[in-house]
């Protein structure tokens, strides 16, 4: 994951643009459903971190799932593009 993707995920999580907010939330919810079923989800491991995260890549899922150019390290979900607005 690049610094640009980390920035994108956190920006979309904390300060999403109004015109893209609903789409990003939709994508994130679908991705989180997939992550919650994965054996690498932090809820299935003993961890000191309080956030839901991927134990494979270490990413905080609330931000990673909102990074549209990111993908799951196991290809369970892939990058997507914003629809024409």
PDB file of N, CA and C in Angstrom:
ATOM      1  N   UNK A   1       0.847  -1.171   0.000  1.00  0.00           N
ATOM      2  CA  UNK A   1       0.000   0.000   0.000  1.00  0.00           C
ATOM      3  C   UNK A   1       0.889   1.229   0.000  1.00  0.00           C
ATOM      4  N   UNK A   2       0.570   2.191  -0.819  1.00  0.00           N
ATOM      5  CA  UNK A   2       1.376   3.398  -0.922  1.00  0.00           C
ATOM      6  C   UNK A   2       0.904   4.473   0.059  1.00  0.00           C
ATOM      7  N   UNK A   3       1.741   5.474   0.271  1.00  0.00           N
ATOM      8  CA  UNK A   3       1.339   6.596   1.122  1.00  0.00           C
ATOM      9  C   UNK A   3       0.111   7.298   0.556  1.00  0.00           C
ATOM     10  N   UNK A   4       0.020   7.378  -0.757  1.00  0.00           N
ATOM     11  CA  UNK A   4      -1.148   8.010  -1.386  1.00  0.00           C
ATOM     12  C   UNK A   4      -2.424   7.236  -1.061  1.00  0.00           C
ATOM     13  N   UNK A   5      -2.339   5.916  -1.017  1.00  0.00           N
ATOM     14  CA  UNK A   5      -3.516   5.112  -0.691  1.00  0.00           C
ATOM     15  C   UNK A   5      -3.878   5.227   0.789  1.00  0.00           C
ATOM     16  N   UNK A   6      -2.880   5.285   1.646  1.00  0.00           N
ATOM     17  CA  UNK A   6      -3.151   5.490   3.075  1.00  0.00           C
ATOM     18  C   UNK A   6      -3.861   6.832   3.262  1.00  0.00           C
ATOM     19  N   UNK A   7      -3.348   7.871   2.606  1.00  0.00           N
ATOM     20  CA  UNK A   7      -3.974   9.195   2.675  1.00  0.00           C
ATOM     21  C   UNK A   7      -5.411   9.138   2.146  1.00  0.00           C
ATOM     22  N   UNK A   8      -5.600   8.492   1.000  1.00  0.00           N
ATOM     23  CA  UNK A   8      -6.937   8.389   0.401  1.00  0.00           C
ATOM     24  C   UNK A   8      -7.927   7.727   1.359  1.00  0.00           C
ATOM     25  N   UNK A   9      -7.523   6.625   1.960  1.00  0.00           N
ATOM     26  CA  UNK A   9      -8.413   5.911   2.873  1.00  0.00           C
ATOM     27  C   UNK A   9      -8.814   6.751   4.072  1.00  0.00           C
ATOM     28  N   UNK A  10      -7.827   7.396   4.703  1.00  0.00           N
ATOM     29  CA  UNK A  10      -8.140   8.221   5.876  1.00  0.00           C
ATOM     30  C   UNK A  10      -8.912   9.475   5.498  1.00  0.00           C
ATOM     31  N   UNK A  11      -8.605  10.076   4.348  1.00  0.00           N
ATOM     32  CA  UNK A  11      -9.354  11.256   3.892  1.00  0.00           C
ATOM     33  C   UNK A  11     -10.807  10.875   3.640  1.00  0.00           C
ATOM     34  N   UNK A  12     -11.018   9.753   2.965  1.00  0.00           N
ATOM     35  CA  UNK A  12     -12.383   9.308   2.688  1.00  0.00           C
ATOM     36  C   UNK A  12     -13.117   8.893   3.955  1.00  0.00           C
ATOM     37  N   UNK A  13     -12.385   8.474   4.957  1.00  0.00           N
ATOM     38  CA  UNK A  13     -12.997   8.091   6.239  1.00  0.00           C
ATOM     39  C   UNK A  13     -13.359   9.317   7.071  1.00  0.00           C
ATOM     40  N   UNK A  14     -12.452  10.271   7.143  1.00  0.00           N
ATOM     41  CA  UNK A  14     -12.640  11.428   8.022  1.00  0.00           C
ATOM     42  C   UNK A  14     -13.296  12.630   7.346  1.00  0.00           C
ATOM     43  N   UNK A  15     -12.952  12.893   6.097  1.00  0.00           N
ATOM     44  CA  UNK A  15     -13.440  14.090   5.395  1.00  0.00           C
ATOM     45  C   UNK A  15     -13.862  13.774   3.962  1.00  0.00           C
ATOM     46  N   UNK A  16     -14.826  12.891   3.776  1.00  0.00           N
ATOM     47  CA  UNK A  16     -15.218  12.554   2.397  1.00  0.00           C
ATOM     48  C   UNK A  16     -15.891  13.737   1.706  1.00  0.00           C
ATOM     49  N   UNK A  17     -15.678  13.832   0.409  1.00  0.00           N
ATOM     50  CA  UNK A  17     -16.370  14.858  -0.364  1.00  0.00           C
ATOM     51  C   UNK A  17     -17.860  14.529  -0.369  1.00  0.00           C
ATOM     52  N   UNK A  18     -18.686  15.527  -0.278  1.00  0.00           N
ATOM     53  CA  UNK A  18     -20.136  15.322  -0.189  1.00  0.00           C
ATOM     54  C   UNK A  18     -20.668  14.548  -1.395  1.00  0.00           C
ATOM     55  N   UNK A  19     -20.142  14.832  -2.578  1.00  0.00           N
ATOM     56  CA  UNK A  19     -20.654  14.179  -3.793  1.00  0.00           C
ATOM     57  C   UNK A  19     -20.273  12.712  -3.895  1.00  0.00           C
ATOM     58  N   UNK A  20     -19.259  12.273  -3.150  1.00  0.00           N
ATOM     59  CA  UNK A  20     -18.810  10.877  -3.203  1.00  0.00           C
ATOM     60  C   UNK A  20     -19.112  10.099  -1.921  1.00  0.00           C
ATOM     61  N   UNK A  21     -19.606  10.779  -0.927  1.00  0.00           N
ATOM     62  CA  UNK A  21     -19.799  10.185   0.406  1.00  0.00           C
ATOM     63  C   UNK A  21     -20.665   8.922   0.385  1.00  0.00           C
ATOM     64  N   UNK A  22     -21.800   8.963  -0.256  1.00  0.00           N
ATOM     65  CA  UNK A  22     -22.719   7.815  -0.272  1.00  0.00           C
ATOM     66  C   UNK A  22     -22.089   6.616  -0.980  1.00  0.00           C
ATOM     67  N   UNK A  23     -21.397   6.864  -2.086  1.00  0.00           N
ATOM     68  CA  UNK A  23     -20.760   5.770  -2.810  1.00  0.00           C
ATOM     69  C   UNK A  23     -19.656   5.129  -1.977  1.00  0.00           C
ATOM     70  N   UNK A  24     -18.828   5.944  -1.348  1.00  0.00           N
ATOM     71  CA  UNK A  24     -17.739   5.440  -0.519  1.00  0.00           C
ATOM     72  C   UNK A  24     -18.303   4.618   0.648  1.00  0.00           C
ATOM     73  N   UNK A  25     -19.349   5.098   1.283  1.00  0.00           N
ATOM     74  CA  UNK A  25     -19.974   4.362   2.390  1.00  0.00           C
ATOM     75  C   UNK A  25     -20.509   3.015   1.917  1.00  0.00           C
ATOM     76  N   UNK A  26     -21.135   2.997   0.756  1.00  0.00           N
ATOM     77  CA  UNK A  26     -21.667   1.748   0.200  1.00  0.00           C
ATOM     78  C   UNK A  26     -20.542   0.740  -0.041  1.00  0.00           C
ATOM     79  N   UNK A  27     -19.476   1.180  -0.706  1.00  0.00           N
ATOM     80  CA  UNK A  27     -18.335   0.306  -0.988  1.00  0.00           C
ATOM     81  C   UNK A  27     -17.733  -0.206   0.315  1.00  0.00           C
ATOM     82  N   UNK A  28     -17.554   0.686   1.280  1.00  0.00           N
ATOM     83  CA  UNK A  28     -16.953   0.317   2.560  1.00  0.00           C
ATOM     84  C   UNK A  28     -17.792  -0.743   3.284  1.00  0.00           C
ATOM     85  N   UNK A  29     -19.097  -0.568   3.324  1.00  0.00           N
ATOM     86  CA  UNK A  29     -19.971  -1.533   4.005  1.00  0.00           C
ATOM     87  C   UNK A  29     -19.881  -2.915   3.366  1.00  0.00           C
ATOM     88  N   UNK A  30     -19.848  -2.962   2.037  1.00  0.00           N
ATOM     89  CA  UNK A  30     -19.737  -4.247   1.344  1.00  0.00           C
ATOM     90  C   UNK A  30     -18.385  -4.899   1.636  1.00  0.00           C
ATOM     91  N   UNK A  31     -17.323  -4.111   1.631  1.00  0.00           N
ATOM     92  CA  UNK A  31     -15.993  -4.645   1.912  1.00  0.00           C
ATOM     93  C   UNK A  31     -15.872  -5.121   3.357  1.00  0.00           C
ATOM     94  N   UNK A  32     -16.415  -4.365   4.285  1.00  0.00           N
ATOM     95  CA  UNK A  32     -16.348  -4.755   5.699  1.00  0.00           C
ATOM     96  C   UNK A  32     -17.070  -6.073   5.929  1.00  0.00           C
ATOM     97  N   UNK A  33     -18.205  -6.297   5.261  1.00  0.00           N
ATOM     98  CA  UNK A  33     -18.912  -7.575   5.376  1.00  0.00           C
ATOM     99  C   UNK A  33     -17.986  -8.729   4.976  1.00  0.00           C
ATOM    100  N   UNK A  34     -17.237  -8.525   3.917  1.00  0.00           N
ATOM    101  CA  UNK A  34     -16.298  -9.549   3.451  1.00  0.00           C
ATOM    102  C   UNK A  34     -15.185  -9.738   4.472  1.00  0.00           C
ATOM    103  N   UNK A  35     -14.630  -8.634   4.943  1.00  0.00           N
ATOM    104  CA  UNK A  35     -13.528  -8.703   5.915  1.00  0.00           C
ATOM    105  C   UNK A  35     -13.946  -9.409   7.205  1.00  0.00           C
ATOM    106  N   UNK A  36     -15.158  -9.166   7.658  1.00  0.00           N
ATOM    107  CA  UNK A  36     -15.625  -9.765   8.907  1.00  0.00           C
ATOM    108  C   UNK A  36     -15.706 -11.287   8.822  1.00  0.00           C
ATOM    109  N   UNK A  37     -15.807 -11.828   7.616  1.00  0.00           N
ATOM    110  CA  UNK A  37     -15.862 -13.278   7.425  1.00  0.00           C
ATOM    111  C   UNK A  37     -14.468 -13.899   7.273  1.00  0.00           C
ATOM    112  N   UNK A  38     -13.451 -13.070   7.113  1.00  0.00           N
ATOM    113  CA  UNK A  38     -12.088 -13.538   6.852  1.00  0.00           C
ATOM    114  C   UNK A  38     -11.386 -13.971   8.140  1.00  0.00           C
ATOM    115  N   UNK A  39     -10.579 -15.008   8.041  1.00  0.00           N
ATOM    116  CA  UNK A  39      -9.850 -15.479   9.222  1.00  0.00           C
ATOM    117  C   UNK A  39      -8.701 -14.558   9.614  1.00  0.00           C
ATOM    118  N   UNK A  40      -8.403 -13.560   8.812  1.00  0.00           N
ATOM    119  CA  UNK A  40      -7.359 -12.584   9.141  1.00  0.00           C
ATOM    120  C   UNK A  40      -7.919 -11.342   9.841  1.00  0.00           C
ATOM    121  N   UNK A  41      -9.237 -11.289  10.038  1.00  0.00           N
ATOM    122  CA  UNK A  41      -9.858 -10.154  10.738  1.00  0.00           C
ATOM    123  C   UNK A  41      -9.411 -10.184  12.196  1.00  0.00           C
ATOM    124  N   UNK A  42      -9.111  -9.032  12.741  1.00  0.00           N
ATOM    125  CA  UNK A  42      -8.576  -8.943  14.107  1.00  0.00           C
ATOM    126  C   UNK A  42      -9.511  -9.516  15.171  1.00  0.00           C
ATOM    127  N   UNK A  43     -10.793  -9.566  14.904  1.00  0.00           N
ATOM    128  CA  UNK A  43     -11.734 -10.117  15.886  1.00  0.00           C
ATOM    129  C   UNK A  43     -11.515 -11.615  16.105  1.00  0.00           C
ATOM    130  N   UNK A  44     -10.793 -12.232  15.197  1.00  0.00           N
ATOM    131  CA  UNK A  44     -10.530 -13.667  15.302  1.00  0.00           C
ATOM    132  C   UNK A  44      -9.151 -13.964  15.885  1.00  0.00           C
ATOM    133  N   UNK A  45      -8.495 -12.919  16.415  1.00  0.00           N
ATOM    134  CA  UNK A  45      -7.154 -13.054  16.966  1.00  0.00           C
ATOM    135  C   UNK A  45      -7.035 -12.276  18.273  1.00  0.00           C
ATOM    136  N   UNK A  46      -6.091 -12.652  19.088  1.00  0.00           N
ATOM    137  CA  UNK A  46      -5.762 -11.864  20.269  1.00  0.00           C
ATOM    138  C   UNK A  46      -4.817 -10.763  19.820  1.00  0.00           C
ATOM    139  N   UNK A  47      -5.194  -9.531  20.077  1.00  0.00           N
ATOM    140  CA  UNK A  47      -4.402  -8.384  19.628  1.00  0.00           C
ATOM    141  C   UNK A  47      -4.518  -7.260  20.646  1.00  0.00           C
ATOM    142  N   UNK A  48      -3.513  -6.443  20.716  1.00  0.00           N
ATOM    143  CA  UNK A  48      -3.516  -5.300  21.637  1.00  0.00           C
ATOM    144  C   UNK A  48      -4.211  -4.082  21.023  1.00  0.00           C
ATOM    145  N   UNK A  49      -4.391  -4.096  19.725  1.00  0.00           N
ATOM    146  CA  UNK A  49      -5.012  -2.954  19.058  1.00  0.00           C
ATOM    147  C   UNK A  49      -6.522  -2.942  19.292  1.00  0.00           C
ATOM    148  N   UNK A  50      -7.096  -1.778  19.573  1.00  0.00           N
ATOM    149  CA  UNK A  50      -8.536  -1.709  19.809  1.00  0.00           C
ATOM    150  C   UNK A  50      -9.369  -1.626  18.526  1.00  0.00           C
ATOM    151  N   UNK A  51      -8.727  -1.325  17.407  1.00  0.00           N
ATOM    152  CA  UNK A  51      -9.457  -1.132  16.152  1.00  0.00           C
ATOM    153  C   UNK A  51      -9.627  -2.444  15.399  1.00  0.00           C
ATOM    154  N   UNK A  52     -10.645  -2.494  14.556  1.00  0.00           N
ATOM    155  CA  UNK A  52     -10.808  -3.631  13.647  1.00  0.00           C
ATOM    156  C   UNK A  52      -9.765  -3.469  12.550  1.00  0.00           C
ATOM    157  N   UNK A  53      -8.938  -4.489  12.369  1.00  0.00           N
ATOM    158  CA  UNK A  53      -7.876  -4.392  11.368  1.00  0.00           C
ATOM    159  C   UNK A  53      -7.593  -5.761  10.760  1.00  0.00           C
ATOM    160  N   UNK A  54      -6.853  -5.729   9.673  1.00  0.00           N
ATOM    161  CA  UNK A  54      -6.425  -6.938   8.989  1.00  0.00           C
ATOM    162  C   UNK A  54      -5.107  -7.384   9.610  1.00  0.00           C
ATOM    163  N   UNK A  55      -5.049  -8.614  10.076  1.00  0.00           N
ATOM    164  CA  UNK A  55      -3.807  -9.083  10.681  1.00  0.00           C
ATOM    165  C   UNK A  55      -2.768  -9.454   9.615  1.00  0.00           C
ATOM    166  N   UNK A  56      -3.162  -9.496   8.363  1.00  0.00           N
ATOM    167  CA  UNK A  56      -2.212  -9.770   7.274  1.00  0.00           C
ATOM    168  C   UNK A  56      -1.472  -8.494   6.870  1.00  0.00           C
ATOM    169  N   UNK A  57      -2.209  -7.443   6.525  1.00  0.00           N
ATOM    170  CA  UNK A  57      -1.570  -6.206   6.056  1.00  0.00           C
ATOM    171  C   UNK A  57      -1.427  -5.168   7.161  1.00  0.00           C
ATOM    172  N   UNK A  58      -2.184  -5.323   8.254  1.00  0.00           N
ATOM    173  CA  UNK A  58      -2.095  -4.400   9.382  1.00  0.00           C
ATOM    174  C   UNK A  58      -2.947  -3.157   9.261  1.00  0.00           C
ATOM    175  N   UNK A  59      -3.690  -3.038   8.192  1.00  0.00           N
ATOM    176  CA  UNK A  59      -4.483  -1.826   7.963  1.00  0.00           C
ATOM    177  C   UNK A  59      -5.724  -1.764   8.848  1.00  0.00           C
ATOM    178  N   UNK A  60      -6.053  -0.548   9.278  1.00  0.00           N
ATOM    179  CA  UNK A  60      -7.302  -0.285   9.980  1.00  0.00           C
ATOM    180  C   UNK A  60      -8.425  -0.363   8.950  1.00  0.00           C
ATOM    181  N   UNK A  61      -9.384  -1.230   9.181  1.00  0.00           N
ATOM    182  CA  UNK A  61     -10.397  -1.499   8.165  1.00  0.00           C
ATOM    183  C   UNK A  61     -11.357  -0.340   7.924  1.00  0.00           C
ATOM    184  N   UNK A  62     -11.603   0.490   8.920  1.00  0.00           N
ATOM    185  CA  UNK A  62     -12.506   1.629   8.704  1.00  0.00           C
ATOM    186  C   UNK A  62     -11.945   2.588   7.657  1.00  0.00           C
ATOM    187  N   UNK A  63     -10.636   2.665   7.538  1.00  0.00           N
ATOM    188  CA  UNK A  63     -10.016   3.522   6.525  1.00  0.00           C
ATOM    189  C   UNK A  63      -9.701   2.745   5.249  1.00  0.00           C
ATOM    190  N   UNK A  64      -9.132   1.555   5.383  1.00  0.00           N
ATOM    191  CA  UNK A  64      -8.731   0.795   4.192  1.00  0.00           C
ATOM    192  C   UNK A  64      -9.922   0.502   3.291  1.00  0.00           C
ATOM    193  N   UNK A  65     -11.063   0.171   3.875  1.00  0.00           N
ATOM    194  CA  UNK A  65     -12.227  -0.164   3.058  1.00  0.00           C
ATOM    195  C   UNK A  65     -12.801   1.059   2.341  1.00  0.00           C
ATOM    196  N   UNK A  66     -12.381   2.249   2.741  1.00  0.00           N
ATOM    197  CA  UNK A  66     -12.836   3.478   2.083  1.00  0.00           C
ATOM    198  C   UNK A  66     -11.835   3.994   1.055  1.00  0.00           C
ATOM    199  N   UNK A  67     -10.712   3.324   0.922  1.00  0.00           N
ATOM    200  CA  UNK A  67      -9.725   3.653  -0.098  1.00  0.00           C
ATOM    201  C   UNK A  67     -10.152   2.947  -1.377  1.00  0.00           C
ATOM    202  N   UNK A  68     -10.668   3.692  -2.329  1.00  0.00           N
ATOM    203  CA  UNK A  68     -11.212   3.081  -3.540  1.00  0.00           C
ATOM    204  C   UNK A  68     -10.142   2.452  -4.412  1.00  0.00           C
ATOM    205  N   UNK A  69      -8.898   2.925  -4.336  1.00  0.00           N
ATOM    206  CA  UNK A  69      -7.824   2.365  -5.151  1.00  0.00           C
ATOM    207  C   UNK A  69      -7.126   1.185  -4.472  1.00  0.00           C
ATOM    208  N   UNK A  70      -7.548   0.842  -3.263  1.00  0.00           N
ATOM    209  CA  UNK A  70      -6.941  -0.263  -2.516  1.00  0.00           C
ATOM    210  C   UNK A  70      -7.656  -1.569  -2.821  1.00  0.00           C
ATOM    211  N   UNK A  71      -6.967  -2.659  -2.492  1.00  0.00           N
ATOM    212  CA  UNK A  71      -7.596  -3.966  -2.602  1.00  0.00           C
ATOM    213  C   UNK A  71      -7.133  -4.856  -1.463  1.00  0.00           C
ATOM    214  N   UNK A  72      -7.896  -5.888  -1.212  1.00  0.00           N
ATOM    215  CA  UNK A  72      -7.582  -6.865  -0.182  1.00  0.00           C
ATOM    216  C   UNK A  72      -6.309  -7.612  -0.579  1.00  0.00           C
ATOM    217  N   UNK A  73      -5.405  -7.893   0.385  1.00  0.00           N
ATOM    218  CA  UNK A  73      -4.202  -8.645   0.027  1.00  0.00           C
ATOM    219  C   UNK A  73      -4.502 -10.060  -0.481  1.00  0.00           C
ATOM    220  N   UNK A  74      -5.703 -10.573  -0.222  1.00  0.00           N
ATOM    221  CA  UNK A  74      -6.113 -11.895  -0.697  1.00  0.00           C
ATOM    222  C   UNK A  74      -7.062 -11.807  -1.895  1.00  0.00           C
ATOM    223  N   UNK A  75      -7.248 -10.593  -2.430  1.00  0.00           N
ATOM    224  CA  UNK A  75      -8.113 -10.344  -3.597  1.00  0.00           C
ATOM    225  C   UNK A  75      -9.573 -10.713  -3.333  1.00  0.00           C
ATOM    226  N   UNK A  76      -9.993 -10.595  -2.059  1.00  0.00           N
ATOM    227  CA  UNK A  76     -11.393 -10.850  -1.728  1.00  0.00           C
ATOM    228  C   UNK A  76     -12.260  -9.676  -2.151  1.00  0.00           C
ATOM    229  N   UNK A  77     -11.660  -8.504  -2.275  1.00  0.00           N
ATOM    230  CA  UNK A  77     -12.290  -7.349  -2.892  1.00  0.00           C
ATOM    231  C   UNK A  77     -11.199  -6.560  -3.592  1.00  0.00           C
ATOM    232  N   UNK A  78     -11.576  -5.867  -4.674  1.00  0.00           N
ATOM    233  CA  UNK A  78     -10.590  -5.189  -5.522  1.00  0.00           C
ATOM    234  C   UNK A  78     -10.869  -3.692  -5.585  1.00  0.00           C
ATOM    235  N   UNK A  79      -9.924  -2.980  -6.158  1.00  0.00           N
ATOM    236  CA  UNK A  79     -10.070  -1.535  -6.353  1.00  0.00           C
ATOM    237  C   UNK A  79     -11.296  -1.254  -7.214  1.00  0.00           C
ATOM    238  N   UNK A  80     -11.868  -0.091  -7.012  1.00  0.00           N
ATOM    239  CA  UNK A  80     -13.044   0.314  -7.773  1.00  0.00           C
ATOM    240  C   UNK A  80     -12.898   1.774  -8.166  1.00  0.00           C
ATOM    241  N   UNK A  81     -13.709   2.203  -9.082  1.00  0.00           N
ATOM    242  CA  UNK A  81     -13.683   3.590  -9.525  1.00  0.00           C
ATOM    243  C   UNK A  81     -14.991   4.277  -9.161  1.00  0.00           C
ATOM    244  N   UNK A  82     -14.897   5.571  -8.975  1.00  0.00           N
ATOM    245  CA  UNK A  82     -16.104   6.358  -8.750  1.00  0.00           C
ATOM    246  C   UNK A  82     -16.949   6.340 -10.002  1.00  0.00           C
ATOM    247  N   UNK A  83     -18.261   6.213  -9.870  1.00  0.00           N
ATOM    248  CA  UNK A  83     -19.113   6.315 -11.050  1.00  0.00           C
ATOM    249  C   UNK A  83     -19.124   7.760 -11.538  1.00  0.00           C
ATOM    250  N   UNK A  84     -19.498   7.946 -12.764  1.00  0.00           N
ATOM    251  CA  UNK A  84     -19.621   9.296 -13.304  1.00  0.00           C
ATOM    252  C   UNK A  84     -20.700  10.041 -12.517  1.00  0.00           C
ATOM    253  N   UNK A  85     -20.326  11.172 -11.943  1.00  0.00           N
ATOM    254  CA  UNK A  85     -21.273  11.941 -11.122  1.00  0.00           C
ATOM    255  C   UNK A  85     -21.732  13.181 -11.838  1.00  0.00           C
TER     256      UNK A  85
END
